[in-house]
Amino acid sequence: MAQTTDLSDADTLALDVWSPEESFNTITKVAAYAGPERPLTESAFDTTRAVEDHGGWRTHEYPVESAADGLVAVGISVVWEAKVTRYVDAVRLR
């Protein structure tokens, strides 16, 4: 999901991510970006956080990289080729 928006009042991008169970293996990672509007490449996303570090819902927060109009983009990056189900919900700027 990607959307342009006014980032001037936001310091943090928060989103809730669901994993069916905790695992010591990293199968998927959260992919998040909040910053200047530009053509996005894979390297623009923060993919440092594994989804499988918990079971159920968990809120992840990221710094907003702009004080003006910009772009918010979130998703899931699959690390291992596997059939997986993960959910992202409640994407918000604070």
C-alpha atoms as a PDB file:
ATOM      1  CA  MET A   1       0.000   0.000   0.000  1.00  0.00           C
ATOM      2  CA  ALA A   2       1.282   3.464  -0.840  1.00  0.00           C
ATOM      3  CA  GLN A   3      -0.321   6.881  -0.406  1.00  0.00           C
ATOM      4  CA  THR A   4       0.794  10.478  -0.683  1.00  0.00           C
ATOM      5  CA  THR A   5       0.000  12.601   2.355  1.00  0.00           C
ATOM      6  CA  ASP A   6       0.996  15.625   4.407  1.00  0.00           C
ATOM      7  CA  LEU A   7       3.767  14.540   6.785  1.00  0.00           C
ATOM      8  CA  SER A   8       4.353  17.952   8.410  1.00  0.00           C
ATOM      9  CA  ASP A   9       2.566  17.071  11.684  1.00  0.00           C
ATOM     10  CA  ALA A  10       3.924  13.518  11.956  1.00  0.00           C
ATOM     11  CA  ASP A  11       7.004  12.216  13.723  1.00  0.00           C
ATOM     12  CA  THR A  12       6.150   8.517  13.621  1.00  0.00           C
ATOM     13  CA  LEU A  13       4.630   6.002  11.232  1.00  0.00           C
ATOM     14  CA  ALA A  14       2.862   3.247  13.189  1.00  0.00           C
ATOM     15  CA  LEU A  15       1.305   0.058  11.824  1.00  0.00           C
ATOM     16  CA  ASP A  16      -0.003  -3.181  13.243  1.00  0.00           C
ATOM     17  CA  VAL A  17       1.281  -6.482  11.849  1.00  0.00           C
ATOM     18  CA  TRP A  18      -0.120  -9.959  12.451  1.00  0.00           C
ATOM     19  CA  SER A  19       1.813 -13.222  12.501  1.00  0.00           C
ATOM     20  CA  PRO A  20       0.142 -16.578  13.206  1.00  0.00           C
ATOM     21  CA  GLU A  21       2.914 -17.654  15.583  1.00  0.00           C
ATOM     22  CA  GLU A  22       6.348 -16.760  16.886  1.00  0.00           C
ATOM     23  CA  SER A  23       9.295 -18.367  15.103  1.00  0.00           C
ATOM     24  CA  PHE A  24      13.053 -18.247  15.473  1.00  0.00           C
ATOM     25  CA  ASN A  25      13.265 -18.242  11.665  1.00  0.00           C
ATOM     26  CA  THR A  26      12.811 -14.995   9.784  1.00  0.00           C
ATOM     27  CA  ILE A  27      10.323 -15.769   7.011  1.00  0.00           C
ATOM     28  CA  THR A  28       8.926 -12.275   6.437  1.00  0.00           C
ATOM     29  CA  LYS A  29       9.852  -8.708   7.356  1.00  0.00           C
ATOM     30  CA  VAL A  30       7.873  -5.504   7.666  1.00  0.00           C
ATOM     31  CA  ALA A  31       8.623  -3.092   4.794  1.00  0.00           C
ATOM     32  CA  ALA A  32       7.934   0.544   5.729  1.00  0.00           C
ATOM     33  CA  TYR A  33       8.664   3.964   4.265  1.00  0.00           C
ATOM     34  CA  ALA A  34       7.517   7.468   5.248  1.00  0.00           C
ATOM     35  CA  GLY A  35       9.389  10.288   3.588  1.00  0.00           C
ATOM     36  CA  PRO A  36       9.732  12.495   0.532  1.00  0.00           C
ATOM     37  CA  GLU A  37       7.707  11.469  -2.488  1.00  0.00           C
ATOM     38  CA  ARG A  38      10.051   9.844  -4.979  1.00  0.00           C
ATOM     39  CA  PRO A  39      10.306   6.728  -7.089  1.00  0.00           C
ATOM     40  CA  LEU A  40      10.753   3.997  -4.499  1.00  0.00           C
ATOM     41  CA  THR A  41      13.307   1.246  -4.761  1.00  0.00           C
ATOM     42  CA  GLU A  42      13.704  -1.694  -2.428  1.00  0.00           C
ATOM     43  CA  SER A  43      16.554   0.058  -0.607  1.00  0.00           C
ATOM     44  CA  ALA A  44      14.253   2.943   0.453  1.00  0.00           C
ATOM     45  CA  PHE A  45      12.223   0.662   2.727  1.00  0.00           C
ATOM     46  CA  ASP A  46      13.133  -0.170   6.312  1.00  0.00           C
ATOM     47  CA  THR A  47      13.115  -3.983   6.354  1.00  0.00           C
ATOM     48  CA  THR A  48      14.998  -4.527   9.614  1.00  0.00           C
ATOM     49  CA  ARG A  49      12.094  -5.964  11.621  1.00  0.00           C
ATOM     50  CA  ALA A  50      11.071  -9.602  11.364  1.00  0.00           C
ATOM     51  CA  VAL A  51       7.350 -10.332  11.539  1.00  0.00           C
ATOM     52  CA  GLU A  52       7.879 -13.711  13.223  1.00  0.00           C
ATOM     53  CA  ASP A  53       9.350 -12.231  16.428  1.00  0.00           C
ATOM     54  CA  HIS A  54       5.850 -12.559  17.900  1.00  0.00           C
ATOM     55  CA  GLY A  55       2.553 -14.383  17.524  1.00  0.00           C
ATOM     56  CA  GLY A  56      -0.603 -12.309  17.001  1.00  0.00           C
ATOM     57  CA  TRP A  57      -0.706  -8.539  16.514  1.00  0.00           C
ATOM     58  CA  ARG A  58       2.198  -6.183  17.232  1.00  0.00           C
ATOM     59  CA  THR A  59       2.604  -2.464  16.588  1.00  0.00           C
ATOM     60  CA  HIS A  60       5.744  -1.367  14.741  1.00  0.00           C
ATOM     61  CA  GLU A  61       6.861   2.270  14.701  1.00  0.00           C
ATOM     62  CA  TYR A  62       9.212   4.063  12.309  1.00  0.00           C
ATOM     63  CA  PRO A  63      10.493   7.651  12.161  1.00  0.00           C
ATOM     64  CA  VAL A  64       9.022   9.929   9.506  1.00  0.00           C
ATOM     65  CA  GLU A  65      11.779  11.257   7.234  1.00  0.00           C
ATOM     66  CA  SER A  66      10.101  14.437   5.981  1.00  0.00           C
ATOM     67  CA  ALA A  67       8.423  17.568   7.279  1.00  0.00           C
ATOM     68  CA  ALA A  68       6.310  18.257   4.169  1.00  0.00           C
ATOM     69  CA  ASP A  69       4.163  16.416   1.669  1.00  0.00           C
ATOM     70  CA  GLY A  70       5.442  12.917   1.170  1.00  0.00           C
ATOM     71  CA  LEU A  71       4.703   9.266   0.691  1.00  0.00           C
ATOM     72  CA  VAL A  72       3.766   6.490   3.099  1.00  0.00           C
ATOM     73  CA  ALA A  73       4.281   2.933   1.835  1.00  0.00           C
ATOM     74  CA  VAL A  74       3.979  -0.293   3.844  1.00  0.00           C
ATOM     75  CA  GLY A  75       3.949  -3.994   3.127  1.00  0.00           C
ATOM     76  CA  ILE A  76       5.531  -7.351   3.821  1.00  0.00           C
ATOM     77  CA  SER A  77       8.845  -8.539   2.378  1.00  0.00           C
ATOM     78  CA  VAL A  78       9.108 -12.324   1.984  1.00  0.00           C
ATOM     79  CA  VAL A  79      12.581 -13.580   2.920  1.00  0.00           C
ATOM     80  CA  TRP A  80      12.006 -17.303   2.425  1.00  0.00           C
ATOM     81  CA  GLU A  81       9.945 -18.585  -0.461  1.00  0.00           C
ATOM     82  CA  ALA A  82       7.016 -20.111   1.349  1.00  0.00           C
ATOM     83  CA  LYS A  83       3.256 -19.891   1.459  1.00  0.00           C
ATOM     84  CA  VAL A  84       2.574 -17.321   4.181  1.00  0.00           C
ATOM     85  CA  THR A  85      -0.281 -15.223   5.477  1.00  0.00           C
ATOM     86  CA  ARG A  86       0.510 -11.950   7.223  1.00  0.00           C
ATOM     87  CA  TYR A  87      -1.687  -8.911   7.774  1.00  0.00           C
ATOM     88  CA  VAL A  88      -0.956  -5.183   8.032  1.00  0.00           C
ATOM     89  CA  ASP A  89      -3.632  -2.977   9.606  1.00  0.00           C
ATOM     90  CA  ALA A  90      -4.176   0.381  11.293  1.00  0.00           C
ATOM     91  CA  VAL A  91      -1.519   2.330   9.389  1.00  0.00           C
ATOM     92  CA  ARG A  92      -1.303   5.755  11.016  1.00  0.00           C
ATOM     93  CA  LEU A  93       0.857   8.827  11.420  1.00  0.00           C
ATOM     94  CA  ARG A  94       1.484  10.305  14.880  1.00  0.00           C
END
